[in-house]
Amino acid sequence: MNKIKRQKLEVAGYWIGDAADFLGLSEEERKIVEFRLALSRAVRERREKLGLTQAAVAARMKSTQSRVAKIEAAASGVSIDLMLSGFFAMGGTISDLTDEINRKSGSTRQKSLRKVQTH
């Protein structure tokens, strides 16, 4: 968003932030959410790069295709341990993961716009 448009919106009473701002997340909570999203993307991208189906990854993990889909969606019921298990089941390493996360760093924040209520 350009600076002039942002200023006009702020003068009109709007506040620009991201989903974490809207939810009132602490910095630590924001980092956990960003890590979960980056990890889920890394699992999906590695699977696609290897030409594997979700069912094939599930077989390697001794899990189910629906669980792999939930990993790739960063579903809240999926632990970070399980997400890492999926990544490592495809031959991923810690350095692969850190490279992937560093490459994507900061791209998870999507800006949102909301009207500030005045009393």
PDB file of N, CA and C in Angstrom:
ATOM      1  N   MET A   1       0.848  -1.159   0.000  1.00  0.00           N
ATOM      2  CA  MET A   1       0.000   0.000   0.000  1.00  0.00           C
ATOM      3  C   MET A   1       0.903   1.234   0.000  1.00  0.00           C
ATOM      4  N   ASN A   2       0.554   2.200  -0.831  1.00  0.00           N
ATOM      5  CA  ASN A   2       1.406   3.388  -0.881  1.00  0.00           C
ATOM      6  C   ASN A   2       1.144   4.298   0.319  1.00  0.00           C
ATOM      7  N   LYS A   3       2.103   5.161   0.576  1.00  0.00           N
ATOM      8  CA  LYS A   3       2.094   5.992   1.782  1.00  0.00           C
ATOM      9  C   LYS A   3       0.891   6.935   1.831  1.00  0.00           C
ATOM     10  N   ILE A   4       0.532   7.533   0.716  1.00  0.00           N
ATOM     11  CA  ILE A   4      -0.582   8.485   0.678  1.00  0.00           C
ATOM     12  C   ILE A   4      -1.901   7.787   0.988  1.00  0.00           C
ATOM     13  N   LYS A   5      -2.112   6.617   0.373  1.00  0.00           N
ATOM     14  CA  LYS A   5      -3.338   5.867   0.625  1.00  0.00           C
ATOM     15  C   LYS A   5      -3.411   5.463   2.101  1.00  0.00           C
ATOM     16  N   ARG A   6      -2.297   5.024   2.641  1.00  0.00           N
ATOM     17  CA  ARG A   6      -2.253   4.618   4.051  1.00  0.00           C
ATOM     18  C   ARG A   6      -2.613   5.804   4.960  1.00  0.00           C
ATOM     19  N   GLN A   7      -2.030   6.978   4.672  1.00  0.00           N
ATOM     20  CA  GLN A   7      -2.312   8.161   5.479  1.00  0.00           C
ATOM     21  C   GLN A   7      -3.792   8.540   5.417  1.00  0.00           C
ATOM     22  N   LYS A   8      -4.384   8.477   4.228  1.00  0.00           N
ATOM     23  CA  LYS A   8      -5.804   8.802   4.076  1.00  0.00           C
ATOM     24  C   LYS A   8      -6.674   7.836   4.884  1.00  0.00           C
ATOM     25  N   LEU A   9      -6.329   6.547   4.838  1.00  0.00           N
ATOM     26  CA  LEU A   9      -7.090   5.564   5.603  1.00  0.00           C
ATOM     27  C   LEU A   9      -6.950   5.794   7.105  1.00  0.00           C
ATOM     28  N   GLU A  10      -5.743   6.099   7.554  1.00  0.00           N
ATOM     29  CA  GLU A  10      -5.524   6.348   8.975  1.00  0.00           C
ATOM     30  C   GLU A  10      -6.277   7.597   9.440  1.00  0.00           C
ATOM     31  N   VAL A  11      -6.311   8.650   8.616  1.00  0.00           N
ATOM     32  CA  VAL A  11      -7.058   9.856   8.944  1.00  0.00           C
ATOM     33  C   VAL A  11      -8.549   9.545   9.035  1.00  0.00           C
ATOM     34  N   ALA A  12      -9.007   8.611   8.193  1.00  0.00           N
ATOM     35  CA  ALA A  12     -10.424   8.222   8.200  1.00  0.00           C
ATOM     36  C   ALA A  12     -10.756   7.282   9.366  1.00  0.00           C
ATOM     37  N   GLY A  13      -9.751   6.934  10.168  1.00  0.00           N
ATOM     38  CA  GLY A  13     -10.019   6.104  11.342  1.00  0.00           C
ATOM     39  C   GLY A  13      -9.685   4.637  11.187  1.00  0.00           C
ATOM     40  N   TYR A  14      -9.031   4.276  10.084  1.00  0.00           N
ATOM     41  CA  TYR A  14      -8.654   2.884   9.893  1.00  0.00           C
ATOM     42  C   TYR A  14      -7.267   2.632  10.466  1.00  0.00           C
ATOM     43  N   TRP A  15      -7.041   1.401  10.861  1.00  0.00           N
ATOM     44  CA  TRP A  15      -5.767   0.982  11.424  1.00  0.00           C
ATOM     45  C   TRP A  15      -5.257  -0.168  10.576  1.00  0.00           C
ATOM     46  N   ILE A  16      -4.008  -0.129  10.156  1.00  0.00           N
ATOM     47  CA  ILE A  16      -3.436  -1.156   9.293  1.00  0.00           C
ATOM     48  C   ILE A  16      -2.521  -2.037  10.122  1.00  0.00           C
ATOM     49  N   GLY A  17      -2.733  -3.344  10.044  1.00  0.00           N
ATOM     50  CA  GLY A  17      -1.908  -4.297  10.773  1.00  0.00           C
ATOM     51  C   GLY A  17      -2.018  -5.663  10.118  1.00  0.00           C
ATOM     52  N   ASP A  18      -1.457  -6.672  10.771  1.00  0.00           N
ATOM     53  CA  ASP A  18      -1.569  -8.020  10.236  1.00  0.00           C
ATOM     54  C   ASP A  18      -2.455  -8.858  11.151  1.00  0.00           C
ATOM     55  N   ALA A  19      -2.609 -10.125  10.814  1.00  0.00           N
ATOM     56  CA  ALA A  19      -3.501 -11.003  11.575  1.00  0.00           C
ATOM     57  C   ALA A  19      -3.062 -11.119  13.033  1.00  0.00           C
ATOM     58  N   ALA A  20      -1.761 -11.139  13.278  1.00  0.00           N
ATOM     59  CA  ALA A  20      -1.265 -11.248  14.649  1.00  0.00           C
ATOM     60  C   ALA A  20      -1.630 -10.008  15.459  1.00  0.00           C
ATOM     61  N   ASP A  21      -1.598  -8.844  14.828  1.00  0.00           N
ATOM     62  CA  ASP A  21      -2.026  -7.621  15.505  1.00  0.00           C
ATOM     63  C   ASP A  21      -3.511  -7.711  15.855  1.00  0.00           C
ATOM     64  N   PHE A  22      -4.303  -8.170  14.908  1.00  0.00           N
ATOM     65  CA  PHE A  22      -5.744  -8.294  15.101  1.00  0.00           C
ATOM     66  C   PHE A  22      -6.061  -9.255  16.242  1.00  0.00           C
ATOM     67  N   LEU A  23      -5.306 -10.340  16.328  1.00  0.00           N
ATOM     68  CA  LEU A  23      -5.530 -11.341  17.376  1.00  0.00           C
ATOM     69  C   LEU A  23      -4.872 -10.980  18.703  1.00  0.00           C
ATOM     70  N   GLY A  24      -4.048  -9.956  18.688  1.00  0.00           N
ATOM     71  CA  GLY A  24      -3.373  -9.529  19.908  1.00  0.00           C
ATOM     72  C   GLY A  24      -2.296 -10.500  20.373  1.00  0.00           C
ATOM     73  N   LEU A  25      -1.581 -11.099  19.418  1.00  0.00           N
ATOM     74  CA  LEU A  25      -0.536 -12.068  19.761  1.00  0.00           C
ATOM     75  C   LEU A  25       0.705 -11.364  20.288  1.00  0.00           C
ATOM     76  N   SER A  26       1.357 -12.011  21.234  1.00  0.00           N
ATOM     77  CA  SER A  26       2.649 -11.506  21.704  1.00  0.00           C
ATOM     78  C   SER A  26       3.687 -11.791  20.623  1.00  0.00           C
ATOM     79  N   GLU A  27       4.863 -11.216  20.774  1.00  0.00           N
ATOM     80  CA  GLU A  27       5.927 -11.452  19.798  1.00  0.00           C
ATOM     81  C   GLU A  27       6.294 -12.932  19.743  1.00  0.00           C
ATOM     82  N   GLU A  28       6.317 -13.599  20.888  1.00  0.00           N
ATOM     83  CA  GLU A  28       6.639 -15.033  20.933  1.00  0.00           C
ATOM     84  C   GLU A  28       5.574 -15.844  20.215  1.00  0.00           C
ATOM     85  N   GLU A  29       4.297 -15.521  20.451  1.00  0.00           N
ATOM     86  CA  GLU A  29       3.205 -16.231  19.777  1.00  0.00           C
ATOM     87  C   GLU A  29       3.255 -15.993  18.275  1.00  0.00           C
ATOM     88  N   ARG A  30       3.578 -14.777  17.877  1.00  0.00           N
ATOM     89  CA  ARG A  30       3.692 -14.442  16.449  1.00  0.00           C
ATOM     90  C   ARG A  30       4.784 -15.292  15.793  1.00  0.00           C
ATOM     91  N   LYS A  31       5.924 -15.433  16.478  1.00  0.00           N
ATOM     92  CA  LYS A  31       7.028 -16.223  15.930  1.00  0.00           C
ATOM     93  C   LYS A  31       6.650 -17.698  15.809  1.00  0.00           C
ATOM     94  N   ILE A  32       5.910 -18.209  16.768  1.00  0.00           N
ATOM     95  CA  ILE A  32       5.465 -19.609  16.698  1.00  0.00           C
ATOM     96  C   ILE A  32       4.541 -19.804  15.509  1.00  0.00           C
ATOM     97  N   VAL A  33       3.605 -18.892  15.312  1.00  0.00           N
ATOM     98  CA  VAL A  33       2.687 -18.991  14.166  1.00  0.00           C
ATOM     99  C   VAL A  33       3.468 -18.918  12.861  1.00  0.00           C
ATOM    100  N   GLU A  34       4.416 -17.996  12.771  1.00  0.00           N
ATOM    101  CA  GLU A  34       5.222 -17.867  11.553  1.00  0.00           C
ATOM    102  C   GLU A  34       6.044 -19.128  11.313  1.00  0.00           C
ATOM    103  N   PHE A  35       6.578 -19.723  12.386  1.00  0.00           N
ATOM    104  CA  PHE A  35       7.353 -20.952  12.252  1.00  0.00           C
ATOM    105  C   PHE A  35       6.464 -22.100  11.766  1.00  0.00           C
ATOM    106  N   ARG A  36       5.271 -22.226  12.337  1.00  0.00           N
ATOM    107  CA  ARG A  36       4.342 -23.283  11.908  1.00  0.00           C
ATOM    108  C   ARG A  36       4.011 -23.143  10.421  1.00  0.00           C
ATOM    109  N   LEU A  37       3.755 -21.912   9.986  1.00  0.00           N
ATOM    110  CA  LEU A  37       3.430 -21.683   8.578  1.00  0.00           C
ATOM    111  C   LEU A  37       4.610 -21.997   7.674  1.00  0.00           C
ATOM    112  N   ALA A  38       5.797 -21.563   8.079  1.00  0.00           N
ATOM    113  CA  ALA A  38       6.996 -21.838   7.278  1.00  0.00           C
ATOM    114  C   ALA A  38       7.266 -23.340   7.217  1.00  0.00           C
ATOM    115  N   LEU A  39       7.086 -24.038   8.330  1.00  0.00           N
ATOM    116  CA  LEU A  39       7.310 -25.476   8.367  1.00  0.00           C
ATOM    117  C   LEU A  39       6.290 -26.211   7.500  1.00  0.00           C
ATOM    118  N   SER A  40       5.036 -25.815   7.555  1.00  0.00           N
ATOM    119  CA  SER A  40       4.027 -26.464   6.726  1.00  0.00           C
ATOM    120  C   SER A  40       4.317 -26.255   5.247  1.00  0.00           C
ATOM    121  N   ARG A  41       4.765 -25.044   4.887  1.00  0.00           N
ATOM    122  CA  ARG A  41       5.141 -24.772   3.489  1.00  0.00           C
ATOM    123  C   ARG A  41       6.335 -25.609   3.069  1.00  0.00           C
ATOM    124  N   ALA A  42       7.303 -25.760   3.976  1.00  0.00           N
ATOM    125  CA  ALA A  42       8.507 -26.544   3.662  1.00  0.00           C
ATOM    126  C   ALA A  42       8.136 -28.007   3.414  1.00  0.00           C
ATOM    127  N   VAL A  43       7.194 -28.534   4.185  1.00  0.00           N
ATOM    128  CA  VAL A  43       6.748 -29.920   3.979  1.00  0.00           C
ATOM    129  C   VAL A  43       6.109 -30.056   2.599  1.00  0.00           C
ATOM    130  N   ARG A  44       5.178 -29.156   2.283  1.00  0.00           N
ATOM    131  CA  ARG A  44       4.499 -29.241   0.982  1.00  0.00           C
ATOM    132  C   ARG A  44       5.467 -29.061  -0.174  1.00  0.00           C
ATOM    133  N   GLU A  45       6.366 -28.077  -0.076  1.00  0.00           N
ATOM    134  CA  GLU A  45       7.299 -27.819  -1.171  1.00  0.00           C
ATOM    135  C   GLU A  45       8.264 -28.987  -1.375  1.00  0.00           C
ATOM    136  N   ARG A  46       8.716 -29.600  -0.286  1.00  0.00           N
ATOM    137  CA  ARG A  46       9.608 -30.756  -0.406  1.00  0.00           C
ATOM    138  C   ARG A  46       8.855 -31.921  -1.053  1.00  0.00           C
ATOM    139  N   ARG A  47       7.614 -32.137  -0.624  1.00  0.00           N
ATOM    140  CA  ARG A  47       6.812 -33.231  -1.201  1.00  0.00           C
ATOM    141  C   ARG A  47       6.626 -33.019  -2.696  1.00  0.00           C
ATOM    142  N   GLU A  48       6.272 -31.798  -3.085  1.00  0.00           N
ATOM    143  CA  GLU A  48       6.066 -31.509  -4.502  1.00  0.00           C
ATOM    144  C   GLU A  48       7.370 -31.620  -5.286  1.00  0.00           C
ATOM    145  N   LYS A  49       8.460 -31.151  -4.709  1.00  0.00           N
ATOM    146  CA  LYS A  49       9.769 -31.231  -5.364  1.00  0.00           C
ATOM    147  C   LYS A  49      10.160 -32.683  -5.628  1.00  0.00           C
ATOM    148  N   LEU A  50       9.824 -33.568  -4.688  1.00  0.00           N
ATOM    149  CA  LEU A  50      10.137 -34.990  -4.837  1.00  0.00           C
ATOM    150  C   LEU A  50       9.111 -35.729  -5.686  1.00  0.00           C
ATOM    151  N   GLY A  51       8.030 -35.057  -6.063  1.00  0.00           N
ATOM    152  CA  GLY A  51       6.985 -35.673  -6.881  1.00  0.00           C
ATOM    153  C   GLY A  51       6.177 -36.707  -6.117  1.00  0.00           C
ATOM    154  N   LEU A  52       6.039 -36.517  -4.814  1.00  0.00           N
ATOM    155  CA  LEU A  52       5.304 -37.464  -3.983  1.00  0.00           C
ATOM    156  C   LEU A  52       3.872 -37.000  -3.755  1.00  0.00           C
ATOM    157  N   THR A  53       2.988 -37.945  -3.576  1.00  0.00           N
ATOM    158  CA  THR A  53       1.628 -37.630  -3.183  1.00  0.00           C
ATOM    159  C   THR A  53       1.575 -37.534  -1.658  1.00  0.00           C
ATOM    160  N   GLN A  54       0.506 -36.958  -1.157  1.00  0.00           N
ATOM    161  CA  GLN A  54       0.322 -36.921   0.292  1.00  0.00           C
ATOM    162  C   GLN A  54       0.228 -38.340   0.854  1.00  0.00           C
ATOM    163  N   ALA A  55      -0.380 -39.245   0.105  1.00  0.00           N
ATOM    164  CA  ALA A  55      -0.492 -40.642   0.551  1.00  0.00           C
ATOM    165  C   ALA A  55       0.890 -41.299   0.654  1.00  0.00           C
ATOM    166  N   ALA A  56       1.775 -40.985  -0.286  1.00  0.00           N
ATOM    167  CA  ALA A  56       3.126 -41.552  -0.248  1.00  0.00           C
ATOM    168  C   ALA A  56       3.900 -41.041   0.962  1.00  0.00           C
ATOM    169  N   VAL A  57       3.750 -39.767   1.272  1.00  0.00           N
ATOM    170  CA  VAL A  57       4.412 -39.208   2.457  1.00  0.00           C
ATOM    171  C   VAL A  57       3.820 -39.846   3.704  1.00  0.00           C
ATOM    172  N   ALA A  58       2.509 -40.014   3.727  1.00  0.00           N
ATOM    173  CA  ALA A  58       1.846 -40.641   4.873  1.00  0.00           C
ATOM    174  C   ALA A  58       2.375 -42.052   5.105  1.00  0.00           C
ATOM    175  N   ALA A  59       2.585 -42.791   4.035  1.00  0.00           N
ATOM    176  CA  ALA A  59       3.109 -44.153   4.168  1.00  0.00           C
ATOM    177  C   ALA A  59       4.510 -44.127   4.786  1.00  0.00           C
ATOM    178  N   ARG A  60       5.331 -43.174   4.370  1.00  0.00           N
ATOM    179  CA  ARG A  60       6.678 -43.047   4.945  1.00  0.00           C
ATOM    180  C   ARG A  60       6.618 -42.713   6.433  1.00  0.00           C
ATOM    181  N   MET A  61       5.599 -41.954   6.820  1.00  0.00           N
ATOM    182  CA  MET A  61       5.445 -41.530   8.212  1.00  0.00           C
ATOM    183  C   MET A  61       4.665 -42.539   9.051  1.00  0.00           C
ATOM    184  N   LYS A  62       4.098 -43.543   8.378  1.00  0.00           N
ATOM    185  CA  LYS A  62       3.179 -44.477   9.027  1.00  0.00           C
ATOM    186  C   LYS A  62       1.995 -43.708   9.624  1.00  0.00           C
ATOM    187  N   SER A  63       1.405 -42.878   8.764  1.00  0.00           N
ATOM    188  CA  SER A  63       0.277 -42.039   9.147  1.00  0.00           C
ATOM    189  C   SER A  63      -0.767 -42.097   8.040  1.00  0.00           C
ATOM    190  N   THR A  64      -1.601 -41.089   7.949  1.00  0.00           N
ATOM    191  CA  THR A  64      -2.655 -41.062   6.937  1.00  0.00           C
ATOM    192  C   THR A  64      -2.494 -39.849   6.021  1.00  0.00           C
ATOM    193  N   GLN A  65      -3.104 -39.963   4.850  1.00  0.00           N
ATOM    194  CA  GLN A  65      -3.067 -38.855   3.890  1.00  0.00           C
ATOM    195  C   GLN A  65      -3.727 -37.618   4.485  1.00  0.00           C
ATOM    196  N   SER A  66      -4.819 -37.797   5.213  1.00  0.00           N
ATOM    197  CA  SER A  66      -5.503 -36.635   5.782  1.00  0.00           C
ATOM    198  C   SER A  66      -4.615 -35.921   6.812  1.00  0.00           C
ATOM    199  N   ARG A  67      -3.796 -36.684   7.522  1.00  0.00           N
ATOM    200  CA  ARG A  67      -2.873 -36.078   8.486  1.00  0.00           C
ATOM    201  C   ARG A  67      -1.820 -35.248   7.745  1.00  0.00           C
ATOM    202  N   VAL A  68      -1.328 -35.741   6.615  1.00  0.00           N
ATOM    203  CA  VAL A  68      -0.359 -34.979   5.823  1.00  0.00           C
ATOM    204  C   VAL A  68      -1.010 -33.696   5.293  1.00  0.00           C
ATOM    205  N   ALA A  69      -2.264 -33.790   4.874  1.00  0.00           N
ATOM    206  CA  ALA A  69      -2.978 -32.595   4.413  1.00  0.00           C
ATOM    207  C   ALA A  69      -3.074 -31.573   5.542  1.00  0.00           C
ATOM    208  N   LYS A  70      -3.331 -32.047   6.758  1.00  0.00           N
ATOM    209  CA  LYS A  70      -3.409 -31.139   7.908  1.00  0.00           C
ATOM    210  C   LYS A  70      -2.045 -30.531   8.223  1.00  0.00           C
ATOM    211  N   ILE A  71      -0.988 -31.313   8.067  1.00  0.00           N
ATOM    212  CA  ILE A  71       0.375 -30.786   8.260  1.00  0.00           C
ATOM    213  C   ILE A  71       0.617 -29.651   7.270  1.00  0.00           C
ATOM    214  N   GLU A  72       0.286 -29.883   6.013  1.00  0.00           N
ATOM    215  CA  GLU A  72       0.523 -28.883   4.974  1.00  0.00           C
ATOM    216  C   GLU A  72      -0.360 -27.654   5.139  1.00  0.00           C
ATOM    217  N   ALA A  73      -1.467 -27.802   5.854  1.00  0.00           N
ATOM    218  CA  ALA A  73      -2.359 -26.670   6.108  1.00  0.00           C
ATOM    219  C   ALA A  73      -2.026 -25.968   7.415  1.00  0.00           C
ATOM    220  N   ALA A  74      -1.017 -26.458   8.124  1.00  0.00           N
ATOM    221  CA  ALA A  74      -0.625 -25.914   9.440  1.00  0.00           C
ATOM    222  C   ALA A  74      -1.807 -25.902  10.398  1.00  0.00           C
ATOM    223  N   ALA A  75      -2.611 -26.969  10.343  1.00  0.00           N
ATOM    224  CA  ALA A  75      -3.788 -27.064  11.203  1.00  0.00           C
ATOM    225  C   ALA A  75      -3.380 -26.992  12.673  1.00  0.00           C
ATOM    226  N   SER A  76      -4.204 -26.340  13.457  1.00  0.00           N
ATOM    227  CA  SER A  76      -3.858 -26.107  14.863  1.00  0.00           C
ATOM    228  C   SER A  76      -3.742 -27.399  15.670  1.00  0.00           C
ATOM    229  N   GLY A  77      -4.421 -28.464  15.266  1.00  0.00           N
ATOM    230  CA  GLY A  77      -4.358 -29.727  15.986  1.00  0.00           C
ATOM    231  C   GLY A  77      -3.132 -30.563  15.678  1.00  0.00           C
ATOM    232  N   VAL A  78      -2.283 -30.082  14.790  1.00  0.00           N
ATOM    233  CA  VAL A  78      -1.083 -30.822  14.398  1.00  0.00           C
ATOM    234  C   VAL A  78       0.115 -30.261  15.158  1.00  0.00           C
ATOM    235  N   SER A  79       0.832 -31.129  15.833  1.00  0.00           N
ATOM    236  CA  SER A  79       1.989 -30.679  16.606  1.00  0.00           C
ATOM    237  C   SER A  79       3.163 -30.350  15.683  1.00  0.00           C
ATOM    238  N   ILE A  80       4.041 -29.522  16.192  1.00  0.00           N
ATOM    239  CA  ILE A  80       5.262 -29.194  15.458  1.00  0.00           C
ATOM    240  C   ILE A  80       6.099 -30.461  15.295  1.00  0.00           C
ATOM    241  N   ASP A  81       6.075 -31.347  16.300  1.00  0.00           N
ATOM    242  CA  ASP A  81       6.793 -32.622  16.201  1.00  0.00           C
ATOM    243  C   ASP A  81       6.333 -33.416  14.980  1.00  0.00           C
ATOM    244  N   LEU A  82       5.015 -33.490  14.779  1.00  0.00           N
ATOM    245  CA  LEU A  82       4.488 -34.246  13.638  1.00  0.00           C
ATOM    246  C   LEU A  82       4.868 -33.574  12.322  1.00  0.00           C
ATOM    247  N   MET A  83       4.859 -32.246  12.305  1.00  0.00           N
ATOM    248  CA  MET A  83       5.251 -31.525  11.095  1.00  0.00           C
ATOM    249  C   MET A  83       6.716 -31.825  10.759  1.00  0.00           C
ATOM    250  N   LEU A  84       7.558 -31.816  11.789  1.00  0.00           N
ATOM    251  CA  LEU A  84       8.972 -32.144  11.577  1.00  0.00           C
ATOM    252  C   LEU A  84       9.132 -33.586  11.128  1.00  0.00           C
ATOM    253  N   SER A  85       8.340 -34.484  11.679  1.00  0.00           N
ATOM    254  CA  SER A  85       8.391 -35.889  11.292  1.00  0.00           C
ATOM    255  C   SER A  85       8.112 -36.049   9.794  1.00  0.00           C
ATOM    256  N   GLY A  86       7.111 -35.320   9.303  1.00  0.00           N
ATOM    257  CA  GLY A  86       6.797 -35.363   7.875  1.00  0.00           C
ATOM    258  C   GLY A  86       7.945 -34.855   7.031  1.00  0.00           C
ATOM    259  N   PHE A  87       8.547 -33.769   7.463  1.00  0.00           N
ATOM    260  CA  PHE A  87       9.675 -33.197   6.722  1.00  0.00           C
ATOM    261  C   PHE A  87      10.849 -34.170   6.694  1.00  0.00           C
ATOM    262  N   PHE A  88      11.177 -34.737   7.845  1.00  0.00           N
ATOM    263  CA  PHE A  88      12.307 -35.655   7.931  1.00  0.00           C
ATOM    264  C   PHE A  88      12.023 -36.988   7.238  1.00  0.00           C
ATOM    265  N   ALA A  89      10.757 -37.402   7.172  1.00  0.00           N
ATOM    266  CA  ALA A  89      10.394 -38.649   6.483  1.00  0.00           C
ATOM    267  C   ALA A  89      10.698 -38.567   4.989  1.00  0.00           C
ATOM    268  N   MET A  90      10.771 -37.351   4.480  1.00  0.00           N
ATOM    269  CA  MET A  90      11.086 -37.161   3.064  1.00  0.00           C
ATOM    270  C   MET A  90      12.566 -36.893   2.847  1.00  0.00           C
ATOM    271  N   GLY A  91      13.372 -37.161   3.857  1.00  0.00           N
ATOM    272  CA  GLY A  91      14.810 -36.992   3.717  1.00  0.00           C
ATOM    273  C   GLY A  91      15.316 -35.600   4.000  1.00  0.00           C
ATOM    274  N   GLY A  92      14.457 -34.733   4.498  1.00  0.00           N
ATOM    275  CA  GLY A  92      14.872 -33.376   4.818  1.00  0.00           C
ATOM    276  C   GLY A  92      15.820 -33.362   6.004  1.00  0.00           C
ATOM    277  N   THR A  93      16.675 -32.358   6.053  1.00  0.00           N
ATOM    278  CA  THR A  93      17.624 -32.201   7.151  1.00  0.00           C
ATOM    279  C   THR A  93      17.365 -30.870   7.850  1.00  0.00           C
ATOM    280  N   ILE A  94      17.988 -30.699   8.999  1.00  0.00           N
ATOM    281  CA  ILE A  94      17.872 -29.444   9.727  1.00  0.00           C
ATOM    282  C   ILE A  94      18.357 -28.281   8.856  1.00  0.00           C
ATOM    283  N   SER A  95      19.478 -28.465   8.163  1.00  0.00           N
ATOM    284  CA  SER A  95      19.986 -27.363   7.333  1.00  0.00           C
ATOM    285  C   SER A  95      19.040 -27.070   6.175  1.00  0.00           C
ATOM    286  N   ASP A  96      18.395 -28.107   5.599  1.00  0.00           N
ATOM    287  CA  ASP A  96      17.389 -27.866   4.556  1.00  0.00           C
ATOM    288  C   ASP A  96      16.258 -27.006   5.114  1.00  0.00           C
ATOM    289  N   LEU A  97      15.844 -27.360   6.314  1.00  0.00           N
ATOM    290  CA  LEU A  97      14.726 -26.662   6.939  1.00  0.00           C
ATOM    291  C   LEU A  97      15.080 -25.215   7.253  1.00  0.00           C
ATOM    292  N   THR A  98      16.236 -24.989   7.836  1.00  0.00           N
ATOM    293  CA  THR A  98      16.627 -23.614   8.163  1.00  0.00           C
ATOM    294  C   THR A  98      16.838 -22.789   6.897  1.00  0.00           C
ATOM    295  N   ASP A  99      17.382 -23.404   5.855  1.00  0.00           N
ATOM    296  CA  ASP A  99      17.539 -22.688   4.582  1.00  0.00           C
ATOM    297  C   ASP A  99      16.175 -22.280   4.036  1.00  0.00           C
ATOM    298  N   GLU A 100      15.227 -23.213   4.081  1.00  0.00           N
ATOM    299  CA  GLU A 100      13.879 -22.954   3.577  1.00  0.00           C
ATOM    300  C   GLU A 100      13.207 -21.847   4.378  1.00  0.00           C
ATOM    301  N   ILE A 101      13.300 -21.922   5.685  1.00  0.00           N
ATOM    302  CA  ILE A 101      12.655 -20.922   6.531  1.00  0.00           C
ATOM    303  C   ILE A 101      13.310 -19.558   6.345  1.00  0.00           C
ATOM    304  N   ASN A 102      14.627 -19.516   6.261  1.00  0.00           N
ATOM    305  CA  ASN A 102      15.320 -18.241   6.050  1.00  0.00           C
ATOM    306  C   ASN A 102      14.982 -17.629   4.699  1.00  0.00           C
ATOM    307  N   ARG A 103      14.806 -18.483   3.702  1.00  0.00           N
ATOM    308  CA  ARG A 103      14.471 -17.993   2.363  1.00  0.00           C
ATOM    309  C   ARG A 103      13.085 -17.358   2.346  1.00  0.00           C
ATOM    310  N   LYS A 104      12.179 -17.911   3.140  1.00  0.00           N
ATOM    311  CA  LYS A 104      10.799 -17.432   3.158  1.00  0.00           C
ATOM    312  C   LYS A 104      10.528 -16.435   4.272  1.00  0.00           C
ATOM    313  N   SER A 105      11.517 -16.121   5.069  1.00  0.00           N
ATOM    314  CA  SER A 105      11.336 -15.277   6.253  1.00  0.00           C
ATOM    315  C   SER A 105      10.620 -13.977   5.919  1.00  0.00           C
ATOM    316  N   GLY A 106       9.607 -13.696   6.743  1.00  0.00           N
ATOM    317  CA  GLY A 106       8.881 -12.440   6.608  1.00  0.00           C
ATOM    318  C   GLY A 106       7.767 -12.455   5.589  1.00  0.00           C
ATOM    319  N   SER A 107       7.642 -13.516   4.799  1.00  0.00           N
ATOM    320  CA  SER A 107       6.607 -13.514   3.764  1.00  0.00           C
ATOM    321  C   SER A 107       5.262 -13.998   4.286  1.00  0.00           C
ATOM    322  N   THR A 108       5.185 -14.351   5.576  1.00  0.00           N
ATOM    323  CA  THR A 108       3.940 -14.894   6.108  1.00  0.00           C
ATOM    324  C   THR A 108       2.966 -13.837   6.566  1.00  0.00           C
ATOM    325  N   ARG A 109       3.433 -12.625   6.774  1.00  0.00           N
ATOM    326  CA  ARG A 109       2.547 -11.599   7.291  1.00  0.00           C
ATOM    327  C   ARG A 109       1.705 -11.005   6.177  1.00  0.00           C
ATOM    328  N   GLN A 110       0.401 -11.065   6.376  1.00  0.00           N
ATOM    329  CA  GLN A 110      -0.514 -10.443   5.437  1.00  0.00           C
ATOM    330  C   GLN A 110      -1.183  -9.282   6.161  1.00  0.00           C
ATOM    331  N   LYS A 111      -1.168  -8.142   5.542  1.00  0.00           N
ATOM    332  CA  LYS A 111      -1.734  -6.961   6.164  1.00  0.00           C
ATOM    333  C   LYS A 111      -3.252  -7.018   6.144  1.00  0.00           C
ATOM    334  N   SER A 112      -3.843  -6.485   7.192  1.00  0.00           N
ATOM    335  CA  SER A 112      -5.293  -6.380   7.264  1.00  0.00           C
ATOM    336  C   SER A 112      -5.640  -4.938   7.596  1.00  0.00           C
ATOM    337  N   LEU A 113      -6.867  -4.603   7.354  1.00  0.00           N
ATOM    338  CA  LEU A 113      -7.328  -3.240   7.535  1.00  0.00           C
ATOM    339  C   LEU A 113      -8.596  -3.293   8.370  1.00  0.00           C
ATOM    340  N   ARG A 114      -8.656  -2.468   9.409  1.00  0.00           N
ATOM    341  CA  ARG A 114      -9.884  -2.433  10.175  1.00  0.00           C
ATOM    342  C   ARG A 114     -10.113  -1.017  10.685  1.00  0.00           C
ATOM    343  N   LYS A 115     -11.367  -0.731  10.879  1.00  0.00           N
ATOM    344  CA  LYS A 115     -11.772   0.590  11.364  1.00  0.00           C
ATOM    345  C   LYS A 115     -11.540   0.654  12.861  1.00  0.00           C
ATOM    346  N   VAL A 116     -10.876   1.707  13.305  1.00  0.00           N
ATOM    347  CA  VAL A 116     -10.664   1.943  14.726  1.00  0.00           C
ATOM    348  C   VAL A 116     -11.932   2.565  15.269  1.00  0.00           C
ATOM    349  N   GLN A 117     -12.463   1.969  16.322  1.00  0.00           N
ATOM    350  CA  GLN A 117     -13.678   2.500  16.906  1.00  0.00           C
ATOM    351  C   GLN A 117     -13.339   3.677  17.809  1.00  0.00           C
ATOM    352  N   THR A 118     -14.046   4.755  17.615  1.00  0.00           N
ATOM    353  CA  THR A 118     -13.850   5.922  18.462  1.00  0.00           C
ATOM    354  C   THR A 118     -15.097   6.096  19.316  1.00  0.00           C
ATOM    355  N   HIS A 119     -14.906   6.551  20.521  1.00  0.00           N
ATOM    356  CA  HIS A 119     -16.037   6.708  21.457  1.00  0.00           C
ATOM    357  C   HIS A 119     -16.455   8.138  21.593  1.00  0.00           C
TER     358      HIS A 119
END
